[in-house]
Protein backbone atom coordinates (compact mmCIF):
# COMPACT_ATOMS: atom_id res chain seq x y z
CA MET A 1 0.00 0.00 0.00
CA LEU A 2 2.87 2.34 0.81
CA PRO A 3 4.54 2.07 -2.64
CA LEU A 4 1.24 3.06 -4.33
CA PHE A 5 0.90 6.09 -2.09
CA VAL A 6 4.48 7.11 -2.84
CA ALA A 7 3.94 6.72 -6.59
CA ILE A 8 0.88 8.95 -6.47
CA ALA A 9 2.72 11.57 -4.46
CA VAL A 10 5.63 11.57 -6.90
CA MET A 11 3.34 11.95 -9.90
CA GLY A 12 1.57 14.85 -8.24
CA ALA A 13 4.84 16.56 -7.48
CA LEU A 14 6.02 16.17 -11.07
CA ALA A 15 2.75 17.60 -12.38
CA ALA A 16 3.05 20.61 -10.07
CA VAL A 17 6.61 21.22 -11.23
CA GLY A 18 5.59 20.98 -14.88
CA TYR A 19 2.71 23.39 -14.39
CA ALA A 20 4.96 25.87 -12.62
CA ALA A 21 7.51 25.59 -15.43
CA TRP A 22 4.79 26.27 -18.02
CA LEU A 23 3.59 29.29 -16.08
CA PHE A 24 7.12 30.62 -15.83
CA SER A 25 7.86 30.15 -19.50
CA ARG A 26 4.55 31.73 -20.46
CA ASP A 27 5.13 34.77 -18.30
CA ALA A 28 8.70 35.04 -19.54
CA ASN A 29 7.50 35.18 -23.16
CA VAL A 30 4.92 37.87 -22.54
CA GLY A 31 6.25 41.24 -23.67
CA PRO A 32 5.73 44.03 -26.18
CA PRO A 33 5.13 42.79 -29.79
CA ARG A 34 7.94 43.10 -32.22
CA ALA A 35 7.82 46.13 -34.50
CA GLU A 36 7.11 45.46 -38.19
CA THR A 37 10.12 45.53 -40.46
CA PRO A 38 10.21 48.02 -43.35
CA TYR A 39 9.74 45.09 -45.74
CA GLN A 40 6.57 43.97 -43.94
CA ARG A 41 5.26 47.54 -43.92
CA GLY A 42 5.98 47.73 -47.64
CA LEU A 43 3.98 44.56 -48.33
CA HIS A 44 1.03 45.89 -46.31
CA ALA A 45 1.15 49.22 -48.15
CA LEU A 46 1.30 47.40 -51.48
CA LEU A 47 -1.75 45.30 -50.59
CA ALA A 48 -3.57 48.48 -49.53
CA GLY A 49 -2.78 50.13 -52.87
CA ASN A 50 -0.54 52.81 -51.38
CA ARG A 51 2.26 52.67 -53.95
CA GLU A 52 4.28 55.66 -52.69
CA GLU A 53 4.37 54.42 -49.11
CA ALA A 54 5.31 50.94 -50.33
CA LEU A 55 8.16 52.38 -52.40
CA GLU A 56 9.55 54.23 -49.38
CA CYS A 57 9.29 51.14 -47.18
CA PHE A 58 11.08 48.90 -49.68
CA ALA A 59 13.79 51.54 -50.10
CA ASP A 60 14.29 51.47 -46.32
CA ALA A 61 14.27 47.65 -46.38
CA VAL A 62 17.16 47.38 -48.85
CA GLN A 63 19.09 50.01 -46.89
CA GLN A 64 18.80 47.86 -43.77
CA ASP A 65 19.26 44.52 -45.52
CA SER A 66 21.02 44.51 -48.88
CA GLY A 67 20.38 40.80 -49.16
CA ASN A 68 16.60 41.17 -49.34
CA ILE A 69 16.08 40.30 -52.99
CA ASP A 70 12.29 40.41 -52.76
CA ALA A 71 12.43 44.01 -51.53
CA TYR A 72 14.65 44.94 -54.47
CA ILE A 73 12.23 43.32 -56.92
CA HIS A 74 9.25 45.23 -55.50
CA LEU A 75 11.24 48.45 -55.39
CA GLY A 76 12.16 48.17 -59.07
CA ASN A 77 8.59 47.41 -60.11
CA LEU A 78 7.30 50.45 -58.23
CA LEU A 79 9.96 52.67 -59.79
CA ARG A 80 8.86 51.53 -63.24
CA GLU A 81 5.21 52.22 -62.40
CA ARG A 82 6.20 55.69 -61.19
CA GLY A 83 7.74 56.49 -64.57
CA GLU A 84 11.38 55.64 -63.83
CA PRO A 85 11.92 52.54 -65.99
CA GLY A 86 15.64 53.20 -66.41
CA ARG A 87 16.27 52.95 -62.68
CA ALA A 88 14.04 49.89 -62.47
CA LEU A 89 15.98 48.20 -65.28
CA GLU A 90 19.33 48.95 -63.67
CA LEU A 91 18.17 47.59 -60.33
CA HIS A 92 16.67 44.39 -61.75
CA ARG A 93 19.69 43.70 -63.95
CA LYS A 94 21.96 43.89 -60.92
CA LEU A 95 19.85 41.22 -59.23
CA THR A 96 20.72 38.74 -62.00
CA ALA A 97 24.32 38.78 -60.74
CA ARG A 98 23.30 37.64 -57.26
CA ALA A 99 24.55 34.13 -56.60
CA VAL A 100 21.73 33.08 -54.28
CA ARG A 101 18.24 33.30 -55.75
CA SER A 102 15.25 31.05 -55.25
CA PRO A 103 13.38 29.79 -58.35
CA SER A 104 10.45 32.11 -57.56
CA GLN A 105 12.80 35.08 -57.21
CA GLU A 106 14.51 34.19 -60.48
CA ARG A 107 11.17 34.15 -62.26
CA ALA A 108 10.05 37.44 -60.68
CA ILE A 109 13.30 39.12 -61.76
CA ARG A 110 12.96 37.89 -65.35
CA GLU A 111 9.33 38.99 -65.52
CA ALA A 112 10.30 42.42 -64.22
CA LEU A 113 13.05 42.71 -66.82
CA VAL A 114 10.61 42.04 -69.65
CA LEU A 115 8.38 44.88 -68.44
CA ASP A 116 11.42 47.13 -67.87
CA TRP A 117 12.70 46.63 -71.43
CA ILE A 118 9.23 47.40 -72.79
CA ALA A 119 8.97 50.53 -70.64
CA VAL A 120 12.34 51.89 -71.82
CA GLY A 121 11.32 51.36 -75.45
CA ARG A 122 13.56 48.40 -76.26
CA PRO A 123 11.11 45.68 -77.30
CA ASP A 124 13.73 43.44 -78.96
CA GLU A 125 15.41 42.90 -75.59
CA ALA A 126 11.99 42.37 -74.02
CA ILE A 127 11.15 39.70 -76.61
CA HIS A 128 14.48 37.93 -76.05
CA GLU A 129 13.97 37.92 -72.27
CA ALA A 130 10.36 36.76 -72.60
CA GLN A 131 11.35 33.96 -75.00
CA GLU A 132 13.87 32.65 -72.48
CA LEU A 133 11.28 32.78 -69.72
CA ARG A 134 8.78 30.98 -71.92
CA GLU A 135 11.30 28.20 -72.67
CA ARG A 136 11.85 27.64 -68.96
CA GLU A 137 8.12 27.31 -68.36
CA ARG A 138 6.99 25.72 -71.60
CA LYS A 139 5.08 23.00 -69.80
CA ASN A 140 2.66 25.28 -67.96
CA GLY A 141 2.56 28.18 -70.43
CA ALA A 142 3.02 30.74 -67.63
CA GLY A 143 5.43 32.83 -69.71
CA LEU A 144 3.05 33.32 -72.64
CA PRO A 145 1.26 36.51 -71.46
CA LEU A 146 4.58 38.34 -71.05
CA LEU A 147 5.77 37.12 -74.43
CA LEU A 148 2.53 38.46 -75.92
CA LYS A 149 3.16 41.86 -74.29
CA ALA A 150 6.67 41.93 -75.68
CA TYR A 151 5.58 41.09 -79.24
CA GLU A 152 2.83 43.72 -79.04
CA ALA A 153 5.32 46.32 -77.82
CA GLY A 154 7.54 45.52 -80.78
CA GLY A 155 4.67 45.62 -83.28
CA ASP A 156 5.31 41.98 -84.22
CA TRP A 157 1.66 41.16 -84.74
CA GLU A 158 2.18 37.89 -86.60
CA HIS A 159 4.02 36.33 -83.66
CA ALA A 160 1.59 38.01 -81.26
CA CYS A 161 -1.33 36.22 -82.94
CA GLU A 162 0.52 32.90 -82.73
CA VAL A 163 1.15 33.40 -79.02
CA ARG A 164 -2.46 34.44 -78.42
CA ALA A 165 -3.64 31.24 -80.10
CA GLU A 166 -1.17 29.23 -78.01
CA MET A 167 -2.52 30.86 -74.86
CA ALA A 168 -6.06 29.82 -75.76
CA LYS A 169 -4.89 26.27 -76.41
CA ALA A 170 -2.99 26.12 -73.11
CA LYS A 171 -6.14 27.20 -71.25
CA GLY A 172 -8.25 24.65 -73.08
CA ASP A 173 -10.41 27.49 -74.41
CA ARG A 174 -12.46 26.14 -77.31
CA ASP A 175 -14.51 29.31 -77.80
CA PRO A 176 -12.98 31.06 -80.83
CA SER A 177 -14.61 34.45 -80.15
CA ALA A 178 -11.77 35.78 -77.96
CA LEU A 179 -9.18 34.91 -80.59
CA ALA A 180 -11.40 36.43 -83.30
CA ARG A 181 -11.59 39.63 -81.26
CA TYR A 182 -7.80 39.72 -81.01
CA ARG A 183 -7.36 39.11 -84.75
CA ALA A 184 -9.83 41.88 -85.57
CA ALA A 185 -8.03 44.31 -83.25
CA VAL A 186 -4.72 43.53 -84.99
CA GLY A 187 -6.47 44.18 -88.29
CA GLU A 188 -7.51 47.60 -87.01
CA ILE A 189 -3.89 48.40 -86.11
CA HIS A 190 -2.82 47.58 -89.68
CA LEU A 191 -5.76 49.59 -91.00
CA ARG A 192 -4.67 52.68 -89.07
CA GLY A 193 -1.21 52.20 -90.59
CA GLU A 194 -2.83 52.04 -94.07
CA ARG A 195 -1.56 48.47 -94.61
CA LEU A 196 -4.81 47.36 -96.21
CA GLU A 197 -3.71 43.91 -97.37
CA ASP A 198 -2.44 42.95 -93.92
CA ALA A 199 -5.55 44.40 -92.33
CA ALA A 200 -7.88 42.48 -94.66
CA ARG A 201 -6.00 39.25 -93.98
CA HIS A 202 -6.55 39.57 -90.25
CA PHE A 203 -10.21 40.54 -90.62
CA LYS A 204 -10.80 37.49 -92.80
CA ALA A 205 -9.01 35.32 -90.24
CA ALA A 206 -11.31 36.73 -87.55
CA LEU A 207 -14.38 35.89 -89.64
CA ARG A 208 -13.12 32.33 -90.14
CA LEU A 209 -12.98 32.01 -86.36
CA GLU A 210 -16.32 33.75 -85.78
CA ARG A 211 -18.55 34.11 -88.79
CA ASP A 212 -20.36 37.29 -87.71
CA HIS A 213 -17.65 39.05 -85.73
CA PRO A 214 -18.85 42.70 -85.74
CA VAL A 215 -15.50 44.50 -85.88
CA ALA A 216 -14.26 42.31 -88.73
CA LEU A 217 -17.51 42.85 -90.69
CA LEU A 218 -17.32 46.60 -90.12
CA ARG A 219 -13.68 47.10 -91.03
CA LEU A 220 -13.48 44.63 -93.91
CA GLY A 221 -16.45 46.50 -95.34
CA ASP A 222 -14.45 49.73 -94.98
CA ILE A 223 -11.59 48.20 -96.94
CA TYR A 224 -13.88 46.96 -99.71
CA TYR A 225 -15.49 50.39 -99.93
CA GLU A 226 -12.11 52.16 -100.15
CA THR A 227 -10.91 49.73 -102.83
CA ASN A 228 -13.98 50.29 -105.05
CA HIS A 229 -16.01 47.25 -104.07
CA PRO A 230 -19.04 49.02 -102.56
CA GLU A 231 -21.48 46.16 -103.06
CA ARG A 232 -19.29 43.81 -101.02
CA ALA A 233 -18.94 46.49 -98.37
CA MET A 234 -22.69 47.03 -98.13
CA ARG A 235 -23.33 43.28 -97.78
CA LEU A 236 -20.90 43.09 -94.87
CA TRP A 237 -22.38 46.17 -93.17
CA GLU A 238 -25.91 44.89 -93.63
CA GLY A 239 -24.76 41.53 -92.24
CA LEU A 240 -23.43 43.29 -89.15
CA ALA A 241 -26.72 45.13 -88.60
CA GLY A 242 -28.67 41.89 -88.99
CA ALA A 243 -26.47 39.74 -86.75
CA HIS A 244 -25.79 42.40 -84.13
CA PRO A 245 -28.70 44.87 -83.98
CA GLU A 246 -27.22 46.41 -80.82
CA HIS A 247 -24.21 47.50 -82.91
CA SER A 248 -26.11 48.58 -86.03
CA HIS A 249 -25.36 52.25 -85.28
CA LEU A 250 -21.77 51.58 -86.39
CA VAL A 251 -22.86 51.13 -90.01
CA LEU A 252 -25.70 53.66 -90.29
CA GLU A 253 -23.72 56.52 -91.82
CA ARG A 254 -21.73 54.14 -94.02
CA LEU A 255 -24.89 52.62 -95.46
CA GLU A 256 -26.53 56.01 -95.78
CA VAL A 257 -23.71 57.35 -97.95
CA SER A 258 -23.54 54.16 -100.02
CA TYR A 259 -27.28 54.02 -100.71
CA PHE A 260 -27.52 57.71 -101.55
CA GLU A 261 -24.60 57.47 -103.95
CA ARG A 262 -26.59 54.84 -105.84
CA GLY A 263 -30.01 56.48 -105.49
CA ARG A 264 -31.42 53.40 -103.74
CA PHE A 265 -33.66 55.26 -101.31
CA GLY A 266 -36.39 52.64 -101.18
CA GLU A 267 -33.98 49.85 -100.18
CA MET A 268 -32.45 52.10 -97.59
CA ALA A 269 -35.82 52.89 -96.00
CA ARG A 270 -36.71 49.18 -95.83
CA LEU A 271 -33.35 48.40 -94.22
CA TYR A 272 -33.83 51.05 -91.54
CA GLU A 273 -37.34 49.80 -90.80
CA GLN A 274 -35.96 46.27 -90.40
CA MET A 275 -33.33 47.59 -88.00
CA LEU A 276 -36.01 49.35 -85.97
CA GLN A 277 -38.03 46.15 -85.73
CA ARG A 278 -35.01 44.42 -84.17
CA ASN A 279 -34.09 47.39 -81.96
CA PRO A 280 -37.05 49.80 -81.68
CA ARG A 281 -35.50 51.91 -78.89
CA ASP A 282 -32.33 52.79 -80.79
CA ALA A 283 -32.44 56.56 -81.32
CA ARG A 284 -29.51 56.38 -83.73
CA ILE A 285 -31.53 54.37 -86.23
CA LEU A 286 -34.40 56.84 -85.97
CA LEU A 287 -32.00 59.71 -86.60
CA ALA A 288 -30.65 57.94 -89.69
CA LEU A 289 -34.22 57.50 -90.89
CA ALA A 290 -34.87 61.21 -90.26
CA ARG A 291 -31.75 62.22 -92.21
CA MET A 292 -32.76 60.01 -95.12
CA ASN A 293 -36.27 61.44 -95.28
CA LEU A 294 -34.92 64.97 -95.02
CA LYS A 295 -32.68 64.33 -98.03
CA ARG A 296 -35.71 62.95 -99.86
CA ASP A 297 -37.62 66.10 -98.85
CA ASP A 298 -40.21 63.95 -97.04
CA LEU A 299 -40.56 66.43 -94.19
CA PRO A 300 -43.52 64.80 -92.33
CA GLU A 301 -41.65 61.47 -92.09
CA ALA A 302 -38.43 63.24 -91.17
CA THR A 303 -40.27 65.10 -88.39
CA ARG A 304 -41.85 61.90 -87.07
CA ALA A 305 -38.52 60.08 -86.93
CA ALA A 306 -36.64 62.99 -85.34
CA LYS A 307 -39.30 63.49 -82.66
CA SER A 308 -39.33 59.76 -81.91
CA ALA A 309 -35.56 59.87 -81.49
CA LEU A 310 -35.92 62.87 -79.16
CA GLU A 311 -38.42 60.98 -77.00
CA ILE A 312 -35.83 58.25 -76.50
CA GLU A 313 -32.84 60.61 -76.15
CA PRO A 314 -34.23 63.98 -74.93
CA ARG A 315 -30.77 65.60 -74.97
CA SER A 316 -29.81 64.50 -78.47
CA LEU A 317 -28.01 67.32 -80.25
CA GLU A 318 -28.51 65.80 -83.70
CA ALA A 319 -32.26 65.40 -83.22
CA ARG A 320 -32.57 69.09 -82.28
CA LEU A 321 -30.51 70.15 -85.30
CA LEU A 322 -32.65 68.05 -87.61
CA LEU A 323 -35.82 69.63 -86.24
CA VAL A 324 -34.36 73.11 -86.69
CA GLU A 325 -33.67 72.32 -90.36
CA ILE A 326 -37.10 70.74 -90.85
CA HIS A 327 -38.93 73.78 -89.47
CA ARG A 328 -36.74 76.08 -91.54
CA ARG A 329 -37.73 74.22 -94.69
CA LEU A 330 -41.38 74.27 -93.63
CA GLY A 331 -41.15 78.06 -93.39
CA ASP A 332 -41.82 78.07 -89.64
CA PRO A 333 -39.03 80.26 -88.16
CA SER A 334 -40.77 80.50 -84.78
CA ARG A 335 -40.62 76.70 -84.26
CA ALA A 336 -37.08 76.65 -85.58
CA LEU A 337 -36.03 79.25 -82.99
CA THR A 338 -37.76 77.25 -80.25
CA GLU A 339 -35.69 74.23 -81.19
CA VAL A 340 -32.53 76.37 -81.19
CA ASP A 341 -33.33 77.49 -77.64
CA GLU A 342 -33.82 73.87 -76.56
CA LEU A 343 -30.61 72.93 -78.31
CA LEU A 344 -28.59 75.56 -76.47
CA ARG A 345 -30.01 74.43 -73.13
CA ASP A 346 -29.15 70.80 -73.81
CA LEU A 347 -25.79 71.40 -75.45
CA SER A 348 -24.00 69.81 -72.52
CA GLY A 349 -25.72 66.54 -73.33
CA ARG A 350 -24.08 66.02 -76.71
CA GLU A 351 -22.25 62.75 -77.27
CA GLU A 352 -18.54 62.67 -76.48
CA ARG A 353 -15.86 60.85 -78.37
CA PRO A 354 -14.84 57.47 -76.90
CA VAL A 355 -12.34 57.85 -74.05
CA CYS A 356 -9.69 55.29 -73.12
CA GLN A 357 -10.07 54.42 -69.43
CA SER A 358 -6.39 53.51 -69.25
CA CYS A 359 -4.59 56.56 -70.69
CA GLY A 360 -7.44 59.09 -71.06
CA GLU A 361 -6.93 59.53 -74.82
CA ARG A 362 -10.02 60.51 -76.83
CA ALA A 363 -10.46 58.49 -80.02
CA GLU A 364 -11.86 60.11 -83.15
CA GLU A 365 -14.04 57.07 -83.75
CA PHE A 366 -14.80 53.57 -82.53
CA TRP A 367 -11.78 51.24 -82.13
CA SER A 368 -11.45 47.94 -80.25
CA ARG A 369 -8.15 48.95 -78.65
CA CYS A 370 -6.85 52.41 -77.82
CA PRO A 371 -4.65 53.68 -80.66
CA SER A 372 -2.30 55.25 -78.08
CA CYS A 373 -1.76 52.60 -75.39
CA LEU A 374 -3.47 49.48 -76.87
CA ALA A 375 -5.76 49.10 -73.85
CA TRP A 376 -9.07 47.43 -74.75
CA MET A 377 -11.77 50.08 -75.18
CA SER A 378 -14.71 47.88 -76.14
CA ARG A 379 -16.00 44.36 -75.65
CA VAL A 380 -17.27 44.29 -79.27
């Protein structure tokens, strides 16, 4: 009986000692929390979207620890974003000489260099760097988006299209519409450069991928019209209006000019009525109908169409101008002046040119991608 009592007493003593040791160690570890390092503050600022604060923190981090490669990478990227690509390039290139780099750091450095070369206006170096990165990651295709950026920066649109197709294949994307949109946008770039054959080739490629792609129909029609094939152009524009009634406004003026040049007013009126059946609340179609009837001197029909357009778009500048002209022709100066007064009051409501949300550039007309910075301006 005594040995059992002793064993219990010993176990109790050991437990008490262990508990006391735990309490002591716990109390010993309680103290003020460690201050964040500049690198940690930089990451938090970056996540919060405060780029300037992040840049300052990463600058402090590399001052305190010159071996912090990640801080250098972030610092360079922020310098490039701030408009100092030369400094970013110099910093990132120096990192390639570091002997100790993890695979993820190596990749981040190479990606940064591609963007640096693009930013300093040396796309050939960017393409070379991106090709090397792509070769290292050929299995997963992770390097393809950067290679696409590099080819775009260099204006190498043939290779850019190949890479874009490879990206779709790597993602298992079987929907050809995205690739058709890219092809059509490349065609527009060639069109702006007056390289009509190259432009037409890309628009036709887009239509092979997506039969009724609106941009390709619109712009290939433009090319046919400019190269004296107006009938082909009109078929494509009419096809766009039929397949995409929500985008029919893009071809209204084109068709109007083409039909008037050929004196085919009756066909034009029927076409506009068909468009209105598909999209009865489109004021732009009504305005086109009003313009056509005004040219035909059918003032009652012109008035009806213009007023209908004004009911849908009460601040439409064009509708007011049409009504001013109609009343002038009707010999009703009082009504014409009334419309002028309304026009002046609503002048602030006139339509603006398309604006790029990326660079703020105003385009003279509709384009898929911004002519200045190549940012996508439309989902068409």
